Protein backbone atom coordinates (compact mmCIF):
# COMPACT_ATOMS: atom_id res chain seq x y z
CA MET A 1 9.16 14.02 -23.54
CA THR A 2 6.75 11.13 -23.89
CA ARG A 3 4.01 10.67 -21.32
CA VAL A 4 3.66 7.32 -19.62
CA ASN A 5 0.41 5.48 -19.12
CA ILE A 6 0.42 4.83 -15.39
CA PHE A 7 -2.78 2.80 -15.48
CA PHE A 8 -1.42 -0.05 -17.61
CA ALA A 9 2.23 -0.12 -16.50
CA HIS A 10 3.56 -3.04 -14.47
CA THR A 11 6.58 -1.29 -12.95
CA THR A 12 8.04 2.19 -12.91
CA GLY A 13 10.55 3.15 -15.57
CA ARG A 14 13.97 4.70 -15.19
CA ASN A 15 13.01 7.85 -17.06
CA TRP A 16 9.80 8.48 -15.10
CA THR A 17 9.45 11.71 -13.17
CA ASN A 18 8.71 11.74 -9.45
CA LYS A 19 5.16 12.82 -10.26
CA ASP A 20 4.72 9.84 -12.62
CA ILE A 21 5.99 7.46 -9.93
CA ALA A 22 3.64 8.94 -7.32
CA LYS A 23 0.71 8.67 -9.72
CA PHE A 24 1.63 5.09 -10.62
CA HIS A 25 1.67 3.94 -7.01
CA TYR A 26 -1.54 5.78 -6.14
CA PHE A 27 -3.72 5.18 -9.21
CA ASN A 28 -2.51 1.87 -10.70
CA GLN A 29 -5.02 -0.73 -9.50
CA GLY A 30 -2.94 -3.77 -10.41
CA HIS A 31 0.63 -3.01 -9.41
CA GLY A 32 0.74 0.20 -7.36
CA LEU A 33 1.52 0.25 -3.64
CA ASN A 34 -1.88 1.76 -2.89
CA ALA A 35 -3.56 -1.29 -4.48
CA GLN A 36 -1.36 -3.63 -2.42
CA LYS A 37 -2.26 -1.72 0.74
CA ARG A 38 -5.94 -1.96 -0.09
CA ALA A 39 -5.63 -5.73 -0.62
CA THR A 40 -3.99 -6.22 2.79
CA ASP A 41 -6.66 -3.99 4.37
CA LEU A 42 -9.38 -6.21 2.95
CA GLU A 43 -7.61 -9.34 4.19
CA ILE A 44 -7.34 -7.92 7.71
CA ASP A 45 -11.02 -6.93 7.62
CA LYS A 46 -11.81 -10.51 6.64
CA LEU A 47 -9.76 -11.88 9.56
CA VAL A 48 -11.60 -9.61 12.00
CA GLU A 49 -14.99 -10.64 10.59
CA GLU A 50 -14.04 -14.31 10.97
CA GLY A 51 -13.09 -13.63 14.59
CA LEU A 52 -9.47 -14.71 14.13
CA CYS A 53 -8.07 -11.44 15.50
CA LYS A 54 -9.23 -8.45 17.50
CA SER A 55 -10.64 -5.34 15.86
CA GLY A 56 -7.53 -3.41 16.93
CA ALA A 57 -5.75 -5.02 13.98
CA ILE A 58 -7.73 -2.70 11.70
CA ILE A 59 -6.21 0.29 13.51
CA ALA A 60 -2.69 -1.13 13.67
CA TYR A 61 -2.42 -2.77 10.25
CA GLY A 62 -5.65 -2.26 8.31
CA GLY A 63 -7.74 0.45 6.78
CA LEU A 64 -7.34 2.94 9.61
CA ASN A 65 -3.55 2.95 9.21
CA TYR A 66 -3.58 5.38 6.28
CA PHE A 67 -0.82 7.90 7.10
CA TYR A 68 1.40 7.11 4.10
CA THR A 69 -1.58 6.59 1.80
CA ASP A 70 -2.68 10.16 2.50
CA ILE A 71 0.82 11.48 1.80
CA LEU A 72 0.95 9.50 -1.45
CA ARG A 73 -2.42 10.96 -2.50
CA ASP A 74 -1.12 14.46 -1.81
CA LEU A 75 2.06 13.76 -3.79
CA ALA A 76 0.12 12.31 -6.73
CA THR A 77 -1.96 15.47 -6.98
CA LYS A 78 0.91 17.95 -6.54
CA LYS A 79 2.30 19.88 -9.45
CA ARG A 80 5.91 19.22 -8.42
CA VAL A 81 6.96 16.21 -6.33
CA ASP A 82 10.06 16.25 -4.12
CA GLY A 83 12.16 13.10 -4.57
CA ILE A 84 13.10 12.67 -0.91
CA GLU A 85 9.51 13.08 0.24
CA LEU A 86 8.40 10.52 -2.36
CA ARG A 87 11.05 7.96 -1.35
CA VAL A 88 10.21 8.34 2.35
CA CYS A 89 6.52 7.89 1.59
CA LEU A 90 7.04 4.82 -0.60
CA GLU A 91 9.38 3.18 1.92
CA GLY A 92 6.90 3.83 4.73
CA LEU A 93 4.07 2.38 2.67
CA LYS A 94 6.14 -0.69 1.78
CA ARG A 95 7.00 -1.16 5.46
CA ASP A 96 3.32 -0.92 6.44
CA ILE A 97 2.37 -3.48 3.78
CA GLU A 98 5.13 -5.87 4.92
CA LYS A 99 4.03 -5.58 8.56
CA ALA A 100 0.41 -6.25 7.61
CA GLN A 101 1.39 -9.24 5.47
CA ALA A 102 3.50 -10.66 8.29
CA PHE A 103 0.57 -10.23 10.69
CA ILE A 104 -1.78 -11.96 8.24
CA ALA A 105 0.67 -14.83 7.75
CA GLU A 106 1.07 -15.22 11.52
CA ILE A 107 -2.70 -15.37 12.03
CA ARG A 108 -3.12 -17.86 9.17
CA ASN A 109 -0.29 -20.04 10.53
CA THR A 110 -1.78 -20.15 14.03
CA GLN A 111 -5.15 -20.99 12.49
CA THR A 112 -3.73 -23.96 10.57
CA GLU A 113 -1.80 -25.19 13.61
CA ALA A 114 -4.98 -25.12 15.73
CA VAL A 115 -6.81 -27.29 13.20
């Protein structure tokens, strides 16, 4: 079996193991879900600093909403990764990212309408 290089991959492959997929999404800084979550966290922090939204957004959507990120970290470091647990984690992380992006877009839209 050939090993995949999770750090330079752009997407997951069909023949990747669950452990490889978990590592890809946790460690890949360009295309993994963890990197996307971190980018939305930084954007929400920026909105709070600019005074465009309340600090509760950090808890609801930002850096303090790390439930699925912690699970993904645990899965990436496990010896054997359960497929169902991985899929639930990835779907939850995608859902959190989508909610945060929708919140950011809503704040940005109301900002442009006010100007």
